[in-house]
PDB file of N, CA and C in Angstrom:
ATOM      1  N   MET A   1     164.883 104.161 228.727  1.00  0.00           N
ATOM      2  CA  MET A   1     163.437 103.852 228.600  1.00  0.00           C
ATOM      3  C   MET A   1     163.048 102.498 229.262  1.00  0.00           C
ATOM      4  N   LEU A   2     161.933 102.494 229.992  1.00  0.00           N
ATOM      5  CA  LEU A   2     161.513 101.316 230.612  1.00  0.00           C
ATOM      6  C   LEU A   2     160.967 100.321 229.609  1.00  0.00           C
ATOM      7  N   GLN A   3     161.450  99.096 229.698  1.00  0.00           N
ATOM      8  CA  GLN A   3     160.937  97.992 228.865  1.00  0.00           C
ATOM      9  C   GLN A   3     159.795  97.323 229.466  1.00  0.00           C
ATOM     10  N   ASP A   4     159.773  97.222 230.811  1.00  0.00           N
ATOM     11  CA  ASP A   4     158.651  96.579 231.546  1.00  0.00           C
ATOM     12  C   ASP A   4     158.017  97.511 232.542  1.00  0.00           C
ATOM     13  N   SER A   5     156.866  97.982 232.301  1.00  0.00           N
ATOM     14  CA  SER A   5     156.318  98.978 233.228  1.00  0.00           C
ATOM     15  C   SER A   5     155.345  98.310 234.174  1.00  0.00           C
ATOM     16  N   SER A   6     155.370  97.006 234.306  1.00  0.00           N
ATOM     17  CA  SER A   6     154.411  96.340 235.174  1.00  0.00           C
ATOM     18  C   SER A   6     154.560  96.806 236.675  1.00  0.00           C
ATOM     19  N   TRP A   7     155.749  97.215 237.023  1.00  0.00           N
ATOM     20  CA  TRP A   7     155.923  97.603 238.386  1.00  0.00           C
ATOM     21  C   TRP A   7     155.301  98.966 238.747  1.00  0.00           C
ATOM     22  N   THR A   8     154.890  99.687 237.759  1.00  0.00           N
ATOM     23  CA  THR A   8     154.303 101.039 237.983  1.00  0.00           C
ATOM     24  C   THR A   8     152.778 100.890 238.309  1.00  0.00           C
ATOM     25  N   THR A   9     152.203  99.760 238.066  1.00  0.00           N
ATOM     26  CA  THR A   9     150.821  99.593 238.295  1.00  0.00           C
ATOM     27  C   THR A   9     150.651  98.487 239.355  1.00  0.00           C
ATOM     28  N   PRO A  10     150.223  98.932 240.564  1.00  0.00           N
ATOM     29  CA  PRO A  10     150.066  97.872 241.608  1.00  0.00           C
ATOM     30  C   PRO A  10     148.786  97.025 241.331  1.00  0.00           C
ATOM     31  N   THR A  11     148.990  95.759 241.360  1.00  0.00           N
ATOM     32  CA  THR A  11     147.786  94.872 241.050  1.00  0.00           C
ATOM     33  C   THR A  11     147.846  93.739 242.159  1.00  0.00           C
ATOM     34  N   LEU A  12     147.455  94.105 243.314  1.00  0.00           N
ATOM     35  CA  LEU A  12     147.314  93.095 244.383  1.00  0.00           C
ATOM     36  C   LEU A  12     145.899  92.430 244.151  1.00  0.00           C
ATOM     37  N   GLY A  13     145.958  91.148 244.062  1.00  0.00           N
ATOM     38  CA  GLY A  13     144.616  90.435 243.906  1.00  0.00           C
ATOM     39  C   GLY A  13     144.189  89.924 245.225  1.00  0.00           C
ATOM     40  N   GLY A  14     142.986  89.609 245.425  1.00  0.00           N
ATOM     41  CA  GLY A  14     142.512  89.030 246.634  1.00  0.00           C
ATOM     42  C   GLY A  14     142.153  90.057 247.704  1.00  0.00           C
ATOM     43  N   GLY A  15     142.236  89.737 248.865  1.00  0.00           N
ATOM     44  CA  GLY A  15     141.840  90.621 249.963  1.00  0.00           C
ATOM     45  C   GLY A  15     142.630  90.374 251.170  1.00  0.00           C
ATOM     46  N   PRO A  16     142.177  90.693 252.332  1.00  0.00           N
ATOM     47  CA  PRO A  16     142.935  90.611 253.586  1.00  0.00           C
ATOM     48  C   PRO A  16     143.295  89.155 253.966  1.00  0.00           C
ATOM     49  N   LEU A  17     142.535  88.220 253.535  1.00  0.00           N
ATOM     50  CA  LEU A  17     142.878  86.822 253.778  1.00  0.00           C
ATOM     51  C   LEU A  17     144.038  86.393 252.979  1.00  0.00           C
ATOM     52  N   ASP A  18     144.151  86.906 251.743  1.00  0.00           N
ATOM     53  CA  ASP A  18     145.331  86.579 250.876  1.00  0.00           C
ATOM     54  C   ASP A  18     146.567  87.461 251.238  1.00  0.00           C
ATOM     55  N   HIS A  19     146.299  88.657 251.706  1.00  0.00           N
ATOM     56  CA  HIS A  19     147.429  89.557 252.158  1.00  0.00           C
ATOM     57  C   HIS A  19     147.120  90.114 253.515  1.00  0.00           C
ATOM     58  N   PRO A  20     147.572  89.313 254.631  1.00  0.00           N
ATOM     59  CA  PRO A  20     147.106  89.738 255.908  1.00  0.00           C
ATOM     60  C   PRO A  20     147.701  91.095 256.396  1.00  0.00           C
ATOM     61  N   LYS A  21     148.792  91.536 255.726  1.00  0.00           N
ATOM     62  CA  LYS A  21     149.313  92.845 256.105  1.00  0.00           C
ATOM     63  C   LYS A  21     148.629  93.996 255.357  1.00  0.00           C
ATOM     64  N   LEU A  22     147.739  93.704 254.449  1.00  0.00           N
ATOM     65  CA  LEU A  22     147.007  94.740 253.626  1.00  0.00           C
ATOM     66  C   LEU A  22     145.947  95.344 254.547  1.00  0.00           C
ATOM     67  N   LYS A  23     145.878  96.652 254.700  1.00  0.00           N
ATOM     68  CA  LYS A  23     144.890  97.234 255.604  1.00  0.00           C
ATOM     69  C   LYS A  23     144.735  98.714 255.262  1.00  0.00           C
ATOM     70  N   ALA A  24     143.663  99.293 255.763  1.00  0.00           N
ATOM     71  CA  ALA A  24     143.511 100.690 255.826  1.00  0.00           C
ATOM     72  C   ALA A  24     142.776 101.127 257.079  1.00  0.00           C
ATOM     73  N   ASP A  25     143.308 102.119 257.710  1.00  0.00           N
ATOM     74  CA  ASP A  25     142.794 102.626 258.994  1.00  0.00           C
ATOM     75  C   ASP A  25     141.782 103.713 258.733  1.00  0.00           C
ATOM     76  N   LEU A  26     140.625 103.629 259.344  1.00  0.00           N
ATOM     77  CA  LEU A  26     139.619 104.598 259.186  1.00  0.00           C
ATOM     78  C   LEU A  26     139.285 105.269 260.543  1.00  0.00           C
ATOM     79  N   VAL A  27     139.187 106.563 260.559  1.00  0.00           N
ATOM     80  CA  VAL A  27     138.835 107.296 261.856  1.00  0.00           C
ATOM     81  C   VAL A  27     137.659 108.254 261.626  1.00  0.00           C
ATOM     82  N   PHE A  28     136.732 108.217 262.484  1.00  0.00           N
ATOM     83  CA  PHE A  28     135.702 109.248 262.613  1.00  0.00           C
ATOM     84  C   PHE A  28     135.499 109.582 264.003  1.00  0.00           C
ATOM     85  N   MET A  29     135.593 110.841 264.391  1.00  0.00           N
ATOM     86  CA  MET A  29     135.439 111.298 265.740  1.00  0.00           C
ATOM     87  C   MET A  29     134.530 112.574 265.669  1.00  0.00           C
ATOM     88  N   GLU A  30     133.599 112.522 266.684  1.00  0.00           N
ATOM     89  CA  GLU A  30     132.788 113.788 266.868  1.00  0.00           C
ATOM     90  C   GLU A  30     133.020 114.386 268.212  1.00  0.00           C
ATOM     91  N   TYR A  31     133.207 115.680 268.227  1.00  0.00           N
ATOM     92  CA  TYR A  31     133.561 116.327 269.560  1.00  0.00           C
ATOM     93  C   TYR A  31     132.245 116.936 270.124  1.00  0.00           C
ATOM     94  N   PRO A  32     132.168 117.054 271.420  1.00  0.00           N
ATOM     95  CA  PRO A  32     130.993 117.525 272.048  1.00  0.00           C
ATOM     96  C   PRO A  32     130.661 118.935 271.719  1.00  0.00           C
ATOM     97  N   THR A  33     131.718 119.664 271.234  1.00  0.00           N
ATOM     98  CA  THR A  33     131.516 121.139 270.906  1.00  0.00           C
ATOM     99  C   THR A  33     130.992 121.257 269.446  1.00  0.00           C
ATOM    100  N   GLY A  34     130.765 120.156 268.764  1.00  0.00           N
ATOM    101  CA  GLY A  34     130.152 120.229 267.428  1.00  0.00           C
ATOM    102  C   GLY A  34     131.116 119.940 266.314  1.00  0.00           C
ATOM    103  N   GLY A  35     132.359 119.802 266.567  1.00  0.00           N
ATOM    104  CA  GLY A  35     133.359 119.496 265.440  1.00  0.00           C
ATOM    105  C   GLY A  35     133.453 118.010 265.179  1.00  0.00           C
ATOM    106  N   ALA A  36     134.096 117.639 264.190  1.00  0.00           N
ATOM    107  CA  ALA A  36     134.331 116.281 263.821  1.00  0.00           C
ATOM    108  C   ALA A  36     135.678 116.104 263.019  1.00  0.00           C
ATOM    109  N   VAL A  37     136.110 114.903 262.988  1.00  0.00           N
ATOM    110  CA  VAL A  37     137.414 114.638 262.327  1.00  0.00           C
ATOM    111  C   VAL A  37     137.105 113.324 261.571  1.00  0.00           C
ATOM    112  N   SER A  38     137.580 113.236 260.350  1.00  0.00           N
ATOM    113  CA  SER A  38     137.541 111.989 259.550  1.00  0.00           C
ATOM    114  C   SER A  38     138.850 111.802 258.842  1.00  0.00           C
ATOM    115  N   ALA A  39     139.407 110.586 258.856  1.00  0.00           N
ATOM    116  CA  ALA A  39     140.630 110.291 258.219  1.00  0.00           C
ATOM    117  C   ALA A  39     140.643 108.956 257.647  1.00  0.00           C
ATOM    118  N   PHE A  40     141.067 108.786 256.433  1.00  0.00           N
ATOM    119  CA  PHE A  40     141.216 107.553 255.682  1.00  0.00           C
ATOM    120  C   PHE A  40     142.681 107.407 255.374  1.00  0.00           C
ATOM    121  N   SER A  41     143.370 106.485 256.004  1.00  0.00           N
ATOM    122  CA  SER A  41     144.800 106.329 255.802  1.00  0.00           C
ATOM    123  C   SER A  41     145.118 105.247 254.815  1.00  0.00           C
ATOM    124  N   SER A  42     144.756 105.462 253.502  1.00  0.00           N
ATOM    125  CA  SER A  42     145.143 104.573 252.522  1.00  0.00           C
ATOM    126  C   SER A  42     145.700 105.351 251.364  1.00  0.00           C
ATOM    127  N   ILE A  43     146.820 104.976 250.869  1.00  0.00           N
ATOM    128  CA  ILE A  43     147.542 105.689 249.819  1.00  0.00           C
ATOM    129  C   ILE A  43     146.602 105.756 248.521  1.00  0.00           C
ATOM    130  N   SER A  44     145.855 104.740 248.340  1.00  0.00           N
ATOM    131  CA  SER A  44     145.091 104.678 247.091  1.00  0.00           C
ATOM    132  C   SER A  44     143.603 105.100 247.287  1.00  0.00           C
ATOM    133  N   TRP A  45     143.217 105.758 248.381  1.00  0.00           N
ATOM    134  CA  TRP A  45     141.923 106.070 248.593  1.00  0.00           C
ATOM    135  C   TRP A  45     141.301 106.889 247.543  1.00  0.00           C
ATOM    136  N   CYS A  46     141.965 107.912 247.101  1.00  0.00           N
ATOM    137  CA  CYS A  46     141.492 108.824 246.060  1.00  0.00           C
ATOM    138  C   CYS A  46     141.378 108.172 244.733  1.00  0.00           C
ATOM    139  N   ALA A  47     142.420 107.242 244.555  1.00  0.00           N
ATOM    140  CA  ALA A  47     142.407 106.540 243.257  1.00  0.00           C
ATOM    141  C   ALA A  47     141.219 105.568 243.115  1.00  0.00           C
ATOM    142  N   CYS A  48     140.750 105.099 244.253  1.00  0.00           N
ATOM    143  CA  CYS A  48     139.580 104.181 244.299  1.00  0.00           C
ATOM    144  C   CYS A  48     138.205 104.871 244.090  1.00  0.00           C
ATOM    145  N   LEU A  49     138.240 106.202 244.357  1.00  0.00           N
ATOM    146  CA  LEU A  49     136.880 106.870 244.244  1.00  0.00           C
ATOM    147  C   LEU A  49     136.206 106.607 242.935  1.00  0.00           C
ATOM    148  N   SER A  50     136.869 106.657 241.785  1.00  0.00           N
ATOM    149  CA  SER A  50     136.216 106.620 240.518  1.00  0.00           C
ATOM    150  C   SER A  50     136.030 105.125 239.960  1.00  0.00           C
ATOM    151  N   TYR A  51     136.405 104.164 240.783  1.00  0.00           N
ATOM    152  CA  TYR A  51     136.262 102.729 240.372  1.00  0.00           C
ATOM    153  C   TYR A  51     134.751 102.413 240.187  1.00  0.00           C
ATOM    154  N   ASN A  52     134.465 101.706 239.127  1.00  0.00           N
ATOM    155  CA  ASN A  52     133.103 101.265 238.810  1.00  0.00           C
ATOM    156  C   ASN A  52     132.140 102.536 238.720  1.00  0.00           C
ATOM    157  N   ASP A  53     132.680 103.500 237.991  1.00  0.00           N
ATOM    158  CA  ASP A  53     131.835 104.766 237.791  1.00  0.00           C
ATOM    159  C   ASP A  53     131.366 105.364 239.075  1.00  0.00           C
ATOM    160  N   TYR A  54     132.204 105.381 240.116  1.00  0.00           N
ATOM    161  CA  TYR A  54     131.850 105.917 241.458  1.00  0.00           C
ATOM    162  C   TYR A  54     130.824 105.193 242.255  1.00  0.00           C
ATOM    163  N   ASP A  55     130.505 103.903 241.762  1.00  0.00           N
ATOM    164  CA  ASP A  55     129.605 103.089 242.532  1.00  0.00           C
ATOM    165  C   ASP A  55     130.326 101.964 243.225  1.00  0.00           C
ATOM    166  N   ASP A  56     130.992 102.314 244.389  1.00  0.00           N
ATOM    167  CA  ASP A  56     131.788 101.481 245.182  1.00  0.00           C
ATOM    168  C   ASP A  56     131.778 101.846 246.599  1.00  0.00           C
ATOM    169  N   ASN A  57     132.312 100.988 247.480  1.00  0.00           N
ATOM    170  CA  ASN A  57     132.262 101.257 248.934  1.00  0.00           C
ATOM    171  C   ASN A  57     133.112 102.534 249.273  1.00  0.00           C
ATOM    172  N   VAL A  58     134.151 102.816 248.639  1.00  0.00           N
ATOM    173  CA  VAL A  58     135.059 103.895 248.966  1.00  0.00           C
ATOM    174  C   VAL A  58     134.268 105.197 248.641  1.00  0.00           C
ATOM    175  N   SER A  59     133.549 105.284 247.497  1.00  0.00           N
ATOM    176  CA  SER A  59     132.824 106.502 247.179  1.00  0.00           C
ATOM    177  C   SER A  59     131.647 106.742 248.067  1.00  0.00           C
ATOM    178  N   LEU A  60     131.116 105.558 248.497  1.00  0.00           N
ATOM    179  CA  LEU A  60     129.856 105.639 249.442  1.00  0.00           C
ATOM    180  C   LEU A  60     130.330 106.142 250.775  1.00  0.00           C
ATOM    181  N   MET A  61     131.386 105.571 251.326  1.00  0.00           N
ATOM    182  CA  MET A  61     131.891 106.067 252.635  1.00  0.00           C
ATOM    183  C   MET A  61     132.272 107.518 252.615  1.00  0.00           C
ATOM    184  N   THR A  62     132.966 107.964 251.474  1.00  0.00           N
ATOM    185  CA  THR A  62     133.296 109.305 251.372  1.00  0.00           C
ATOM    186  C   THR A  62     132.135 110.202 251.327  1.00  0.00           C
ATOM    187  N   LYS A  63     131.055 109.873 250.533  1.00  0.00           N
ATOM    188  CA  LYS A  63     129.886 110.609 250.422  1.00  0.00           C
ATOM    189  C   LYS A  63     129.160 110.715 251.826  1.00  0.00           C
ATOM    190  N   ASN A  64     129.069 109.639 252.480  1.00  0.00           N
ATOM    191  CA  ASN A  64     128.452 109.631 253.810  1.00  0.00           C
ATOM    192  C   ASN A  64     129.143 110.553 254.778  1.00  0.00           C
ATOM    193  N   VAL A  65     130.439 110.583 254.753  1.00  0.00           N
ATOM    194  CA  VAL A  65     131.186 111.403 255.699  1.00  0.00           C
ATOM    195  C   VAL A  65     130.998 112.842 255.339  1.00  0.00           C
ATOM    196  N   LEU A  66     131.137 113.213 254.010  1.00  0.00           N
ATOM    197  CA  LEU A  66     130.927 114.542 253.590  1.00  0.00           C
ATOM    198  C   LEU A  66     129.448 115.042 253.893  1.00  0.00           C
ATOM    199  N   ASP A  67     128.464 114.166 253.610  1.00  0.00           N
ATOM    200  CA  ASP A  67     127.047 114.523 253.912  1.00  0.00           C
ATOM    201  C   ASP A  67     126.876 114.751 255.458  1.00  0.00           C
ATOM    202  N   GLY A  68     127.662 113.984 256.254  1.00  0.00           N
ATOM    203  CA  GLY A  68     127.570 114.225 257.742  1.00  0.00           C
ATOM    204  C   GLY A  68     128.170 115.533 258.140  1.00  0.00           C
ATOM    205  N   PHE A  69     129.223 115.931 257.481  1.00  0.00           N
ATOM    206  CA  PHE A  69     129.945 117.217 257.756  1.00  0.00           C
ATOM    207  C   PHE A  69     128.985 118.324 257.407  1.00  0.00           C
ATOM    208  N   ILE A  70     128.248 118.222 256.293  1.00  0.00           N
ATOM    209  CA  ILE A  70     127.319 119.294 255.987  1.00  0.00           C
ATOM    210  C   ILE A  70     126.252 119.474 257.013  1.00  0.00           C
ATOM    211  N   LEU A  71     125.819 118.440 257.615  1.00  0.00           N
ATOM    212  CA  LEU A  71     124.718 118.457 258.593  1.00  0.00           C
ATOM    213  C   LEU A  71     125.241 118.948 259.955  1.00  0.00           C
ATOM    214  N   LEU A  72     126.516 118.962 260.229  1.00  0.00           N
ATOM    215  CA  LEU A  72     127.058 119.430 261.517  1.00  0.00           C
ATOM    216  C   LEU A  72     126.843 120.869 261.724  1.00  0.00           C
TER     217      LEU A  72
END
């Protein structure tokens, strides 16, 4: 049995200035034929969606991309 479970919960404080190797790559491409591609390369992207009752930047970007796909 684990006595110390602190390693199971990542708790990086700060931001890119505190952790220069911390990043996420975002891609959005539209094709002339009407298709589009969106990719968020962050392991914790889905985990961040519900932060602050879904009132956060990750949820807003996801909503904007999905709304854009609906309009295509």
